[in-house]
């Protein structure tokens, strides 16, 4: 029961954030464009869609290791492009971006735990 609840709770940030990104990609697409990623709006929409689909799969326990792997794949570029705290000169902005960067690293850690679970 705790494993299922943990996956459901872990999935909520991906479902919510992915849906927001999918429906409102333009603000994030600018960061993606600035990072030099081709087709930035489409890449942003795709990343949001992956987060929603894999998040739902993780939440309902459908191929959780595959879902967690897909989420890590979408979270790595999101973390690097979306929260480059090392570029921030303002201490407040730097601290905020660093917190989000570390939060995403923590999410990657939780997803690695899902991948490493035995019996699935």
PDB file of N, CA and C in Angstrom:
ATOM      1  N   UNK A   1       0.815  -1.185   0.000  1.00  0.00           N
ATOM      2  CA  UNK A   1       0.000   0.000   0.000  1.00  0.00           C
ATOM      3  C   UNK A   1       0.873   1.269   0.000  1.00  0.00           C
ATOM      4  N   UNK A   2       1.958   1.275   0.783  1.00  0.00           N
ATOM      5  CA  UNK A   2       2.823   2.455   0.825  1.00  0.00           C
ATOM      6  C   UNK A   2       3.518   2.691  -0.515  1.00  0.00           C
ATOM      7  N   UNK A   3       3.889   1.615  -1.183  1.00  0.00           N
ATOM      8  CA  UNK A   3       4.550   1.757  -2.481  1.00  0.00           C
ATOM      9  C   UNK A   3       3.602   2.418  -3.482  1.00  0.00           C
ATOM     10  N   UNK A   4       2.366   1.955  -3.519  1.00  0.00           N
ATOM     11  CA  UNK A   4       1.384   2.527  -4.445  1.00  0.00           C
ATOM     12  C   UNK A   4       1.099   3.990  -4.103  1.00  0.00           C
ATOM     13  N   UNK A   5       0.959   4.292  -2.819  1.00  0.00           N
ATOM     14  CA  UNK A   5       0.719   5.670  -2.406  1.00  0.00           C
ATOM     15  C   UNK A   5       1.930   6.546  -2.731  1.00  0.00           C
ATOM     16  N   UNK A   6       3.111   6.036  -2.491  1.00  0.00           N
ATOM     17  CA  UNK A   6       4.332   6.788  -2.794  1.00  0.00           C
ATOM     18  C   UNK A   6       4.441   7.112  -4.274  1.00  0.00           C
ATOM     19  N   UNK A   7       4.148   6.137  -5.121  1.00  0.00           N
ATOM     20  CA  UNK A   7       4.192   6.392  -6.571  1.00  0.00           C
ATOM     21  C   UNK A   7       3.153   7.417  -6.982  1.00  0.00           C
ATOM     22  N   UNK A   8       1.971   7.301  -6.407  1.00  0.00           N
ATOM     23  CA  UNK A   8       0.905   8.261  -6.724  1.00  0.00           C
ATOM     24  C   UNK A   8       1.326   9.670  -6.333  1.00  0.00           C
ATOM     25  N   UNK A   9       1.858   9.830  -5.137  1.00  0.00           N
ATOM     26  CA  UNK A   9       2.289  11.150  -4.684  1.00  0.00           C
ATOM     27  C   UNK A   9       3.456  11.678  -5.511  1.00  0.00           C
ATOM     28  N   UNK A  10       4.393  10.808  -5.849  1.00  0.00           N
ATOM     29  CA  UNK A  10       5.525  11.206  -6.686  1.00  0.00           C
ATOM     30  C   UNK A  10       5.046  11.667  -8.062  1.00  0.00           C
ATOM     31  N   UNK A  11       4.055  10.993  -8.582  1.00  0.00           N
ATOM     32  CA  UNK A  11       3.553  11.299  -9.929  1.00  0.00           C
ATOM     33  C   UNK A  11       2.847  12.645 -10.019  1.00  0.00           C
ATOM     34  N   UNK A  12       2.317  13.147  -8.908  1.00  0.00           N
ATOM     35  CA  UNK A  12       1.499  14.356  -8.982  1.00  0.00           C
ATOM     36  C   UNK A  12       2.256  15.560  -9.542  1.00  0.00           C
ATOM     37  N   UNK A  13       3.515  15.714  -9.194  1.00  0.00           N
ATOM     38  CA  UNK A  13       4.266  16.875  -9.688  1.00  0.00           C
ATOM     39  C   UNK A  13       4.482  16.791 -11.201  1.00  0.00           C
ATOM     40  N   UNK A  14       4.632  15.571 -11.714  1.00  0.00           N
ATOM     41  CA  UNK A  14       4.836  15.400 -13.153  1.00  0.00           C
ATOM     42  C   UNK A  14       3.534  15.601 -13.921  1.00  0.00           C
ATOM     43  N   UNK A  15       2.449  15.087 -13.396  1.00  0.00           N
ATOM     44  CA  UNK A  15       1.155  15.255 -14.063  1.00  0.00           C
ATOM     45  C   UNK A  15       0.766  16.730 -14.087  1.00  0.00           C
ATOM     46  N   UNK A  16       0.871  17.389 -12.950  1.00  0.00           N
ATOM     47  CA  UNK A  16       0.505  18.804 -12.861  1.00  0.00           C
ATOM     48  C   UNK A  16       1.448  19.677 -13.693  1.00  0.00           C
ATOM     49  N   UNK A  17       2.740  19.534 -13.488  1.00  0.00           N
ATOM     50  CA  UNK A  17       3.709  20.348 -14.218  1.00  0.00           C
ATOM     51  C   UNK A  17       3.695  20.059 -15.710  1.00  0.00           C
ATOM     52  N   UNK A  18       3.548  18.797 -16.061  1.00  0.00           N
ATOM     53  CA  UNK A  18       3.508  18.424 -17.472  1.00  0.00           C
ATOM     54  C   UNK A  18       2.282  18.984 -18.173  1.00  0.00           C
ATOM     55  N   UNK A  19       1.137  18.923 -17.503  1.00  0.00           N
ATOM     56  CA  UNK A  19      -0.093  19.465 -18.092  1.00  0.00           C
ATOM     57  C   UNK A  19       0.029  20.973 -18.287  1.00  0.00           C
ATOM     58  N   UNK A  20       0.587  21.657 -17.298  1.00  0.00           N
ATOM     59  CA  UNK A  20       0.775  23.102 -17.412  1.00  0.00           C
ATOM     60  C   UNK A  20       1.723  23.432 -18.559  1.00  0.00           C
ATOM     61  N   UNK A  21       2.807  22.673 -18.675  1.00  0.00           N
ATOM     62  CA  UNK A  21       3.770  22.891 -19.761  1.00  0.00           C
ATOM     63  C   UNK A  21       3.126  22.616 -21.117  1.00  0.00           C
ATOM     64  N   UNK A  22       2.370  21.548 -21.210  1.00  0.00           N
ATOM     65  CA  UNK A  22       1.716  21.166 -22.464  1.00  0.00           C
ATOM     66  C   UNK A  22       0.725  22.239 -22.913  1.00  0.00           C
ATOM     67  N   UNK A  23      -0.037  22.776 -21.960  1.00  0.00           N
ATOM     68  CA  UNK A  23      -1.079  23.745 -22.315  1.00  0.00           C
ATOM     69  C   UNK A  23      -0.548  25.171 -22.443  1.00  0.00           C
ATOM     70  N   UNK A  24       0.557  25.472 -21.785  1.00  0.00           N
ATOM     71  CA  UNK A  24       1.132  26.824 -21.810  1.00  0.00           C
ATOM     72  C   UNK A  24       2.637  26.741 -22.054  1.00  0.00           C
ATOM     73  N   UNK A  25       3.056  26.347 -23.247  1.00  0.00           N
ATOM     74  CA  UNK A  25       4.470  26.082 -23.477  1.00  0.00           C
ATOM     75  C   UNK A  25       5.353  27.307 -23.711  1.00  0.00           C
ATOM     76  N   UNK A  26       4.769  28.438 -24.037  1.00  0.00           N
ATOM     77  CA  UNK A  26       5.570  29.546 -24.570  1.00  0.00           C
ATOM     78  C   UNK A  26       6.636  30.083 -23.619  1.00  0.00           C
ATOM     79  N   UNK A  27       6.315  30.251 -22.355  1.00  0.00           N
ATOM     80  CA  UNK A  27       7.314  30.764 -21.420  1.00  0.00           C
ATOM     81  C   UNK A  27       8.514  29.841 -21.293  1.00  0.00           C
ATOM     82  N   UNK A  28       8.252  28.554 -21.198  1.00  0.00           N
ATOM     83  CA  UNK A  28       9.340  27.581 -21.090  1.00  0.00           C
ATOM     84  C   UNK A  28      10.064  27.419 -22.428  1.00  0.00           C
ATOM     85  N   UNK A  29       9.331  27.551 -23.519  1.00  0.00           N
ATOM     86  CA  UNK A  29       9.940  27.387 -24.837  1.00  0.00           C
ATOM     87  C   UNK A  29      11.024  28.432 -25.081  1.00  0.00           C
ATOM     88  N   UNK A  30      10.876  29.602 -24.487  1.00  0.00           N
ATOM     89  CA  UNK A  30      11.896  30.642 -24.634  1.00  0.00           C
ATOM     90  C   UNK A  30      13.214  30.188 -24.009  1.00  0.00           C
ATOM     91  N   UNK A  31      13.151  29.571 -22.837  1.00  0.00           N
ATOM     92  CA  UNK A  31      14.363  29.041 -22.203  1.00  0.00           C
ATOM     93  C   UNK A  31      14.964  27.921 -23.045  1.00  0.00           C
ATOM     94  N   UNK A  32      14.107  27.093 -23.613  1.00  0.00           N
ATOM     95  CA  UNK A  32      14.563  25.985 -24.453  1.00  0.00           C
ATOM     96  C   UNK A  32      15.251  26.541 -25.698  1.00  0.00           C
ATOM     97  N   UNK A  33      14.664  27.565 -26.284  1.00  0.00           N
ATOM     98  CA  UNK A  33      15.265  28.214 -27.455  1.00  0.00           C
ATOM     99  C   UNK A  33      16.625  28.812 -27.093  1.00  0.00           C
ATOM    100  N   UNK A  34      16.689  29.500 -25.958  1.00  0.00           N
ATOM    101  CA  UNK A  34      17.944  30.111 -25.513  1.00  0.00           C
ATOM    102  C   UNK A  34      19.033  29.065 -25.264  1.00  0.00           C
ATOM    103  N   UNK A  35      18.627  27.840 -24.938  1.00  0.00           N
ATOM    104  CA  UNK A  35      19.581  26.756 -24.708  1.00  0.00           C
ATOM    105  C   UNK A  35      20.050  26.122 -26.015  1.00  0.00           C
ATOM    106  N   UNK A  36      19.457  26.548 -27.136  1.00  0.00           N
ATOM    107  CA  UNK A  36      19.886  26.044 -28.436  1.00  0.00           C
ATOM    108  C   UNK A  36      19.237  24.736 -28.861  1.00  0.00           C
ATOM    109  N   UNK A  37      18.160  24.350 -28.207  1.00  0.00           N
ATOM    110  CA  UNK A  37      17.464  23.110 -28.562  1.00  0.00           C
ATOM    111  C   UNK A  37      16.572  23.393 -29.763  1.00  0.00           C
ATOM    112  N   UNK A  38      16.672  22.557 -30.800  1.00  0.00           N
ATOM    113  CA  UNK A  38      15.865  22.798 -32.010  1.00  0.00           C
ATOM    114  C   UNK A  38      14.369  22.629 -31.739  1.00  0.00           C
ATOM    115  N   UNK A  39      13.563  23.320 -32.517  1.00  0.00           N
ATOM    116  CA  UNK A  39      12.106  23.288 -32.405  1.00  0.00           C
ATOM    117  C   UNK A  39      11.672  23.447 -30.948  1.00  0.00           C
ATOM    118  N   UNK A  40      12.006  24.563 -30.331  1.00  0.00           N
ATOM    119  CA  UNK A  40      11.809  24.709 -28.891  1.00  0.00           C
ATOM    120  C   UNK A  40      10.359  24.578 -28.419  1.00  0.00           C
ATOM    121  N   UNK A  41       9.425  25.126 -29.163  1.00  0.00           N
ATOM    122  CA  UNK A  41       8.012  25.025 -28.733  1.00  0.00           C
ATOM    123  C   UNK A  41       7.551  23.581 -28.796  1.00  0.00           C
ATOM    124  N   UNK A  42       7.885  22.894 -29.886  1.00  0.00           N
ATOM    125  CA  UNK A  42       7.491  21.498 -30.032  1.00  0.00           C
ATOM    126  C   UNK A  42       8.192  20.621 -28.990  1.00  0.00           C
ATOM    127  N   UNK A  43       9.465  20.912 -28.727  1.00  0.00           N
ATOM    128  CA  UNK A  43      10.205  20.142 -27.716  1.00  0.00           C
ATOM    129  C   UNK A  43       9.581  20.340 -26.339  1.00  0.00           C
ATOM    130  N   UNK A  44       9.155  21.558 -26.050  1.00  0.00           N
ATOM    131  CA  UNK A  44       8.527  21.852 -24.764  1.00  0.00           C
ATOM    132  C   UNK A  44       7.197  21.128 -24.629  1.00  0.00           C
ATOM    133  N   UNK A  45       6.395  21.150 -25.676  1.00  0.00           N
ATOM    134  CA  UNK A  45       5.103  20.459 -25.670  1.00  0.00           C
ATOM    135  C   UNK A  45       5.311  18.953 -25.516  1.00  0.00           C
ATOM    136  N   UNK A  46       6.274  18.410 -26.242  1.00  0.00           N
ATOM    137  CA  UNK A  46       6.574  16.977 -26.139  1.00  0.00           C
ATOM    138  C   UNK A  46       7.007  16.616 -24.723  1.00  0.00           C
ATOM    139  N   UNK A  47       7.866  17.429 -24.133  1.00  0.00           N
ATOM    140  CA  UNK A  47       8.325  17.163 -22.774  1.00  0.00           C
ATOM    141  C   UNK A  47       7.145  17.172 -21.795  1.00  0.00           C
ATOM    142  N   UNK A  48       6.232  18.124 -21.949  1.00  0.00           N
ATOM    143  CA  UNK A  48       5.046  18.162 -21.100  1.00  0.00           C
ATOM    144  C   UNK A  48       4.180  16.932 -21.276  1.00  0.00           C
ATOM    145  N   UNK A  49       4.009  16.502 -22.516  1.00  0.00           N
ATOM    146  CA  UNK A  49       3.202  15.315 -22.795  1.00  0.00           C
ATOM    147  C   UNK A  49       3.832  14.059 -22.180  1.00  0.00           C
ATOM    148  N   UNK A  50       5.142  13.942 -22.306  1.00  0.00           N
ATOM    149  CA  UNK A  50       5.835  12.802 -21.710  1.00  0.00           C
ATOM    150  C   UNK A  50       5.620  12.787 -20.200  1.00  0.00           C
ATOM    151  N   UNK A  51       5.722  13.957 -19.572  1.00  0.00           N
ATOM    152  CA  UNK A  51       5.539  14.019 -18.119  1.00  0.00           C
ATOM    153  C   UNK A  51       4.126  13.595 -17.721  1.00  0.00           C
ATOM    154  N   UNK A  52       3.124  14.027 -18.465  1.00  0.00           N
ATOM    155  CA  UNK A  52       1.743  13.655 -18.137  1.00  0.00           C
ATOM    156  C   UNK A  52       1.534  12.153 -18.333  1.00  0.00           C
ATOM    157  N   UNK A  53       1.912  11.642 -19.486  1.00  0.00           N
ATOM    158  CA  UNK A  53       1.672  10.230 -19.796  1.00  0.00           C
ATOM    159  C   UNK A  53       2.447   9.318 -18.843  1.00  0.00           C
ATOM    160  N   UNK A  54       3.732   9.595 -18.670  1.00  0.00           N
ATOM    161  CA  UNK A  54       4.537   8.764 -17.776  1.00  0.00           C
ATOM    162  C   UNK A  54       4.111   8.970 -16.322  1.00  0.00           C
ATOM    163  N   UNK A  55       3.704  10.174 -15.965  1.00  0.00           N
ATOM    164  CA  UNK A  55       3.221  10.432 -14.611  1.00  0.00           C
ATOM    165  C   UNK A  55       1.959   9.647 -14.296  1.00  0.00           C
ATOM    166  N   UNK A  56       1.024   9.622 -15.231  1.00  0.00           N
ATOM    167  CA  UNK A  56      -0.206   8.842 -15.045  1.00  0.00           C
ATOM    168  C   UNK A  56       0.141   7.354 -14.949  1.00  0.00           C
ATOM    169  N   UNK A  57       1.024   6.879 -15.825  1.00  0.00           N
ATOM    170  CA  UNK A  57       1.427   5.470 -15.775  1.00  0.00           C
ATOM    171  C   UNK A  57       2.039   5.138 -14.421  1.00  0.00           C
ATOM    172  N   UNK A  58       2.905   6.007 -13.921  1.00  0.00           N
ATOM    173  CA  UNK A  58       3.513   5.776 -12.609  1.00  0.00           C
ATOM    174  C   UNK A  58       2.446   5.782 -11.513  1.00  0.00           C
ATOM    175  N   UNK A  59       1.527   6.718 -11.580  1.00  0.00           N
ATOM    176  CA  UNK A  59       0.483   6.849 -10.559  1.00  0.00           C
ATOM    177  C   UNK A  59      -0.399   5.610 -10.473  1.00  0.00           C
ATOM    178  N   UNK A  60      -0.687   4.993 -11.615  1.00  0.00           N
ATOM    179  CA  UNK A  60      -1.572   3.821 -11.604  1.00  0.00           C
ATOM    180  C   UNK A  60      -0.802   2.502 -11.583  1.00  0.00           C
ATOM    181  N   UNK A  61       0.520   2.588 -11.554  1.00  0.00           N
ATOM    182  CA  UNK A  61       1.333   1.377 -11.473  1.00  0.00           C
ATOM    183  C   UNK A  61       1.471   0.628 -12.780  1.00  0.00           C
ATOM    184  N   UNK A  62       1.270   1.316 -13.904  1.00  0.00           N
ATOM    185  CA  UNK A  62       1.401   0.696 -15.218  1.00  0.00           C
ATOM    186  C   UNK A  62       2.840   0.848 -15.694  1.00  0.00           C
ATOM    187  N   UNK A  63       3.562  -0.254 -15.765  1.00  0.00           N
ATOM    188  CA  UNK A  63       4.970  -0.248 -16.169  1.00  0.00           C
ATOM    189  C   UNK A  63       5.752   0.845 -15.425  1.00  0.00           C
ATOM    190  N   UNK A  64       5.771   0.777 -14.106  1.00  0.00           N
ATOM    191  CA  UNK A  64       6.368   1.869 -13.330  1.00  0.00           C
ATOM    192  C   UNK A  64       7.846   2.109 -13.624  1.00  0.00           C
ATOM    193  N   UNK A  65       8.605   1.073 -13.937  1.00  0.00           N
ATOM    194  CA  UNK A  65      10.024   1.271 -14.238  1.00  0.00           C
ATOM    195  C   UNK A  65      10.205   1.996 -15.564  1.00  0.00           C
ATOM    196  N   UNK A  66       9.390   1.671 -16.535  1.00  0.00           N
ATOM    197  CA  UNK A  66       9.435   2.359 -17.826  1.00  0.00           C
ATOM    198  C   UNK A  66       8.998   3.808 -17.637  1.00  0.00           C
ATOM    199  N   UNK A  67       7.935   4.005 -16.869  1.00  0.00           N
ATOM    200  CA  UNK A  67       7.444   5.362 -16.611  1.00  0.00           C
ATOM    201  C   UNK A  67       8.509   6.184 -15.890  1.00  0.00           C
ATOM    202  N   UNK A  68       9.149   5.608 -14.884  1.00  0.00           N
ATOM    203  CA  UNK A  68      10.185   6.329 -14.138  1.00  0.00           C
ATOM    204  C   UNK A  68      11.371   6.663 -15.035  1.00  0.00           C
ATOM    205  N   UNK A  69      11.724   5.755 -15.914  1.00  0.00           N
ATOM    206  CA  UNK A  69      12.826   6.007 -16.849  1.00  0.00           C
ATOM    207  C   UNK A  69      12.477   7.157 -17.791  1.00  0.00           C
ATOM    208  N   UNK A  70      11.259   7.161 -18.303  1.00  0.00           N
ATOM    209  CA  UNK A  70      10.820   8.256 -19.181  1.00  0.00           C
ATOM    210  C   UNK A  70      10.812   9.585 -18.427  1.00  0.00           C
ATOM    211  N   UNK A  71      10.396   9.552 -17.178  1.00  0.00           N
ATOM    212  CA  UNK A  71      10.370  10.786 -16.384  1.00  0.00           C
ATOM    213  C   UNK A  71      11.774  11.309 -16.121  1.00  0.00           C
ATOM    214  N   UNK A  72      12.708  10.417 -15.860  1.00  0.00           N
ATOM    215  CA  UNK A  72      14.095  10.865 -15.703  1.00  0.00           C
ATOM    216  C   UNK A  72      14.583  11.490 -17.004  1.00  0.00           C
ATOM    217  N   UNK A  73      14.261  10.858 -18.124  1.00  0.00           N
ATOM    218  CA  UNK A  73      14.666  11.394 -19.422  1.00  0.00           C
ATOM    219  C   UNK A  73      14.104  12.775 -19.698  1.00  0.00           C
ATOM    220  N   UNK A  74      12.913  13.051 -19.209  1.00  0.00           N
ATOM    221  CA  UNK A  74      12.333  14.383 -19.415  1.00  0.00           C
ATOM    222  C   UNK A  74      12.816  15.369 -18.348  1.00  0.00           C
ATOM    223  N   UNK A  75      13.146  14.869 -17.177  1.00  0.00           N
ATOM    224  CA  UNK A  75      13.542  15.748 -16.080  1.00  0.00           C
ATOM    225  C   UNK A  75      14.981  16.248 -16.204  1.00  0.00           C
ATOM    226  N   UNK A  76      15.847  15.467 -16.800  1.00  0.00           N
ATOM    227  CA  UNK A  76      17.245  15.900 -16.935  1.00  0.00           C
ATOM    228  C   UNK A  76      17.372  17.207 -17.731  1.00  0.00           C
ATOM    229  N   UNK A  77      16.824  17.286 -18.946  1.00  0.00           N
ATOM    230  CA  UNK A  77      16.929  18.560 -19.662  1.00  0.00           C
ATOM    231  C   UNK A  77      16.115  19.669 -18.997  1.00  0.00           C
ATOM    232  N   UNK A  78      14.992  19.316 -18.389  1.00  0.00           N
ATOM    233  CA  UNK A  78      14.187  20.309 -17.682  1.00  0.00           C
ATOM    234  C   UNK A  78      14.990  20.951 -16.566  1.00  0.00           C
ATOM    235  N   UNK A  79      15.731  20.149 -15.845  1.00  0.00           N
ATOM    236  CA  UNK A  79      16.522  20.635 -14.716  1.00  0.00           C
ATOM    237  C   UNK A  79      17.662  21.528 -15.194  1.00  0.00           C
ATOM    238  N   UNK A  80      18.371  21.086 -16.204  1.00  0.00           N
ATOM    239  CA  UNK A  80      19.525  21.829 -16.699  1.00  0.00           C
ATOM    240  C   UNK A  80      19.115  23.137 -17.380  1.00  0.00           C
ATOM    241  N   UNK A  81      18.101  23.068 -18.228  1.00  0.00           N
ATOM    242  CA  UNK A  81      17.666  24.248 -18.980  1.00  0.00           C
ATOM    243  C   UNK A  81      16.805  25.176 -18.124  1.00  0.00           C
ATOM    244  N   UNK A  82      15.975  24.595 -17.288  1.00  0.00           N
ATOM    245  CA  UNK A  82      15.003  25.386 -16.543  1.00  0.00           C
ATOM    246  C   UNK A  82      15.513  26.037 -15.274  1.00  0.00           C
ATOM    247  N   UNK A  83      16.580  25.489 -14.707  1.00  0.00           N
ATOM    248  CA  UNK A  83      17.035  25.995 -13.404  1.00  0.00           C
ATOM    249  C   UNK A  83      18.547  26.175 -13.338  1.00  0.00           C
ATOM    250  N   UNK A  84      19.123  26.932 -14.268  1.00  0.00           N
ATOM    251  CA  UNK A  84      20.579  27.134 -14.260  1.00  0.00           C
ATOM    252  C   UNK A  84      20.988  28.184 -13.217  1.00  0.00           C
ATOM    253  N   UNK A  85      20.938  27.787 -11.973  1.00  0.00           N
ATOM    254  CA  UNK A  85      21.215  28.723 -10.878  1.00  0.00           C
ATOM    255  C   UNK A  85      22.607  29.338 -10.981  1.00  0.00           C
ATOM    256  N   UNK A  86      23.530  28.629 -11.598  1.00  0.00           N
ATOM    257  CA  UNK A  86      24.901  29.099 -11.739  1.00  0.00           C
ATOM    258  C   UNK A  86      24.994  30.353 -12.617  1.00  0.00           C
ATOM    259  N   UNK A  87      23.955  30.639 -13.401  1.00  0.00           N
ATOM    260  CA  UNK A  87      23.941  31.836 -14.246  1.00  0.00           C
ATOM    261  C   UNK A  87      23.300  33.040 -13.571  1.00  0.00           C
ATOM    262  N   UNK A  88      22.686  32.832 -12.426  1.00  0.00           N
ATOM    263  CA  UNK A  88      21.964  33.905 -11.742  1.00  0.00           C
ATOM    264  C   UNK A  88      22.925  34.789 -10.956  1.00  0.00           C
ATOM    265  N   UNK A  89      22.819  36.089 -11.170  1.00  0.00           N
ATOM    266  CA  UNK A  89      23.651  37.039 -10.432  1.00  0.00           C
ATOM    267  C   UNK A  89      22.954  37.526  -9.162  1.00  0.00           C
ATOM    268  N   UNK A  90      21.638  37.650  -9.222  1.00  0.00           N
ATOM    269  CA  UNK A  90      20.870  38.091  -8.069  1.00  0.00           C
ATOM    270  C   UNK A  90      20.830  36.948  -7.034  1.00  0.00           C
ATOM    271  N   UNK A  91      21.270  37.197  -5.803  1.00  0.00           N
ATOM    272  CA  UNK A  91      21.317  36.122  -4.799  1.00  0.00           C
ATOM    273  C   UNK A  91      19.963  35.470  -4.528  1.00  0.00           C
ATOM    274  N   UNK A  92      18.901  36.254  -4.531  1.00  0.00           N
ATOM    275  CA  UNK A  92      17.569  35.689  -4.311  1.00  0.00           C
ATOM    276  C   UNK A  92      17.148  34.768  -5.435  1.00  0.00           C
ATOM    277  N   UNK A  93      17.353  35.224  -6.676  1.00  0.00           N
ATOM    278  CA  UNK A  93      17.030  34.381  -7.834  1.00  0.00           C
ATOM    279  C   UNK A  93      17.895  33.138  -7.858  1.00  0.00           C
ATOM    280  N   UNK A  94      19.172  33.308  -7.535  1.00  0.00           N
ATOM    281  CA  UNK A  94      20.102  32.175  -7.508  1.00  0.00           C
ATOM    282  C   UNK A  94      19.639  31.121  -6.500  1.00  0.00           C
ATOM    283  N   UNK A  95      19.259  31.569  -5.310  1.00  0.00           N
ATOM    284  CA  UNK A  95      18.807  30.642  -4.274  1.00  0.00           C
ATOM    285  C   UNK A  95      17.535  29.913  -4.702  1.00  0.00           C
ATOM    286  N   UNK A  96      16.609  30.646  -5.307  1.00  0.00           N
ATOM    287  CA  UNK A  96      15.366  30.022  -5.778  1.00  0.00           C
ATOM    288  C   UNK A  96      15.619  28.992  -6.854  1.00  0.00           C
ATOM    289  N   UNK A  97      16.443  29.345  -7.834  1.00  0.00           N
ATOM    290  CA  UNK A  97      16.754  28.398  -8.919  1.00  0.00           C
ATOM    291  C   UNK A  97      17.529  27.192  -8.389  1.00  0.00           C
ATOM    292  N   UNK A  98      18.409  27.424  -7.418  1.00  0.00           N
ATOM    293  CA  UNK A  98      19.162  26.309  -6.842  1.00  0.00           C
ATOM    294  C   UNK A  98      18.220  25.360  -6.095  1.00  0.00           C
ATOM    295  N   UNK A  99      17.250  25.915  -5.394  1.00  0.00           N
ATOM    296  CA  UNK A  99      16.263  25.073  -4.702  1.00  0.00           C
ATOM    297  C   UNK A  99      15.502  24.204  -5.693  1.00  0.00           C
ATOM    298  N   UNK A 100      15.056  24.791  -6.807  1.00  0.00           N
ATOM    299  CA  UNK A 100      14.339  24.015  -7.825  1.00  0.00           C
ATOM    300  C   UNK A 100      15.256  22.970  -8.469  1.00  0.00           C
ATOM    301  N   UNK A 101      16.496  23.332  -8.710  1.00  0.00           N
ATOM    302  CA  UNK A 101      17.464  22.389  -9.276  1.00  0.00           C
ATOM    303  C   UNK A 101      17.637  21.196  -8.342  1.00  0.00           C
ATOM    304  N   UNK A 102      17.829  21.461  -7.060  1.00  0.00           N
ATOM    305  CA  UNK A 102      18.020  20.381  -6.083  1.00  0.00           C
ATOM    306  C   UNK A 102      16.749  19.569  -5.885  1.00  0.00           C
ATOM    307  N   UNK A 103      15.584  20.223  -5.955  1.00  0.00           N
ATOM    308  CA  UNK A 103      14.314  19.500  -5.881  1.00  0.00           C
ATOM    309  C   UNK A 103      14.219  18.506  -7.024  1.00  0.00           C
ATOM    310  N   UNK A 104      14.605  18.937  -8.214  1.00  0.00           N
ATOM    311  CA  UNK A 104      14.557  18.034  -9.360  1.00  0.00           C
ATOM    312  C   UNK A 104      15.543  16.881  -9.206  1.00  0.00           C
ATOM    313  N   UNK A 105      16.718  17.158  -8.644  1.00  0.00           N
ATOM    314  CA  UNK A 105      17.661  16.062  -8.368  1.00  0.00           C
ATOM    315  C   UNK A 105      17.049  15.070  -7.377  1.00  0.00           C
ATOM    316  N   UNK A 106      16.330  15.576  -6.401  1.00  0.00           N
ATOM    317  CA  UNK A 106      15.656  14.697  -5.441  1.00  0.00           C
ATOM    318  C   UNK A 106      14.592  13.842  -6.128  1.00  0.00           C
ATOM    319  N   UNK A 107      13.865  14.442  -7.063  1.00  0.00           N
ATOM    320  CA  UNK A 107      12.866  13.680  -7.824  1.00  0.00           C
ATOM    321  C   UNK A 107      13.537  12.589  -8.650  1.00  0.00           C
ATOM    322  N   UNK A 108      14.672  12.904  -9.243  1.00  0.00           N
ATOM    323  CA  UNK A 108      15.418  11.891  -9.994  1.00  0.00           C
ATOM    324  C   UNK A 108      15.819  10.765  -9.057  1.00  0.00           C
ATOM    325  N   UNK A 109      16.253  11.098  -7.851  1.00  0.00           N
ATOM    326  CA  UNK A 109      16.594  10.076  -6.863  1.00  0.00           C
ATOM    327  C   UNK A 109      15.408   9.182  -6.539  1.00  0.00           C
ATOM    328  N   UNK A 110      14.244   9.771  -6.344  1.00  0.00           N
ATOM    329  CA  UNK A 110      13.038   8.987  -6.056  1.00  0.00           C
ATOM    330  C   UNK A 110      12.678   8.081  -7.235  1.00  0.00           C
ATOM    331  N   UNK A 111      12.847   8.595  -8.444  1.00  0.00           N
ATOM    332  CA  UNK A 111      12.561   7.786  -9.631  1.00  0.00           C
ATOM    333  C   UNK A 111      13.553   6.629  -9.760  1.00  0.00           C
ATOM    334  N   UNK A 112      14.803   6.861  -9.368  1.00  0.00           N
ATOM    335  CA  UNK A 112      15.787   5.779  -9.372  1.00  0.00           C
ATOM    336  C   UNK A 112      15.406   4.683  -8.372  1.00  0.00           C
ATOM    337  N   UNK A 113      14.809   5.074  -7.257  1.00  0.00           N
ATOM    338  CA  UNK A 113      14.319   4.085  -6.290  1.00  0.00           C
ATOM    339  C   UNK A 113      13.221   3.243  -6.935  1.00  0.00           C
ATOM    340  N   UNK A 114      12.308   3.872  -7.657  1.00  0.00           N
ATOM    341  CA  UNK A 114      11.248   3.130  -8.361  1.00  0.00           C
ATOM    342  C   UNK A 114      11.868   2.137  -9.337  1.00  0.00           C
ATOM    343  N   UNK A 115      12.853   2.589 -10.096  1.00  0.00           N
ATOM    344  CA  UNK A 115      13.495   1.710 -11.074  1.00  0.00           C
ATOM    345  C   UNK A 115      14.177   0.532 -10.390  1.00  0.00           C
ATOM    346  N   UNK A 116      14.723   0.748  -9.210  1.00  0.00           N
ATOM    347  CA  UNK A 116      15.478  -0.305  -8.529  1.00  0.00           C
ATOM    348  C   UNK A 116      14.603  -1.282  -7.727  1.00  0.00           C
ATOM    349  N   UNK A 117      13.308  -1.030  -7.650  1.00  0.00           N
ATOM    350  CA  UNK A 117      12.419  -1.914  -6.883  1.00  0.00           C
ATOM    351  C   UNK A 117      12.409  -3.302  -7.490  1.00  0.00           C
ATOM    352  N   UNK A 118      12.421  -4.283  -6.627  1.00  0.00           N
ATOM    353  CA  UNK A 118      12.393  -5.682  -7.077  1.00  0.00           C
ATOM    354  C   UNK A 118      10.959  -6.149  -7.259  1.00  0.00           C
ATOM    355  N   UNK A 119      10.811  -7.157  -8.083  1.00  0.00           N
ATOM    356  CA  UNK A 119       9.500  -7.785  -8.242  1.00  0.00           C
ATOM    357  C   UNK A 119       8.586  -7.159  -9.258  1.00  0.00           C
ATOM    358  N   UNK A 120       9.131  -6.284 -10.092  1.00  0.00           N
ATOM    359  CA  UNK A 120       8.260  -5.675 -11.110  1.00  0.00           C
ATOM    360  C   UNK A 120       8.940  -5.594 -12.438  1.00  0.00           C
TER     361      UNK A 120
END
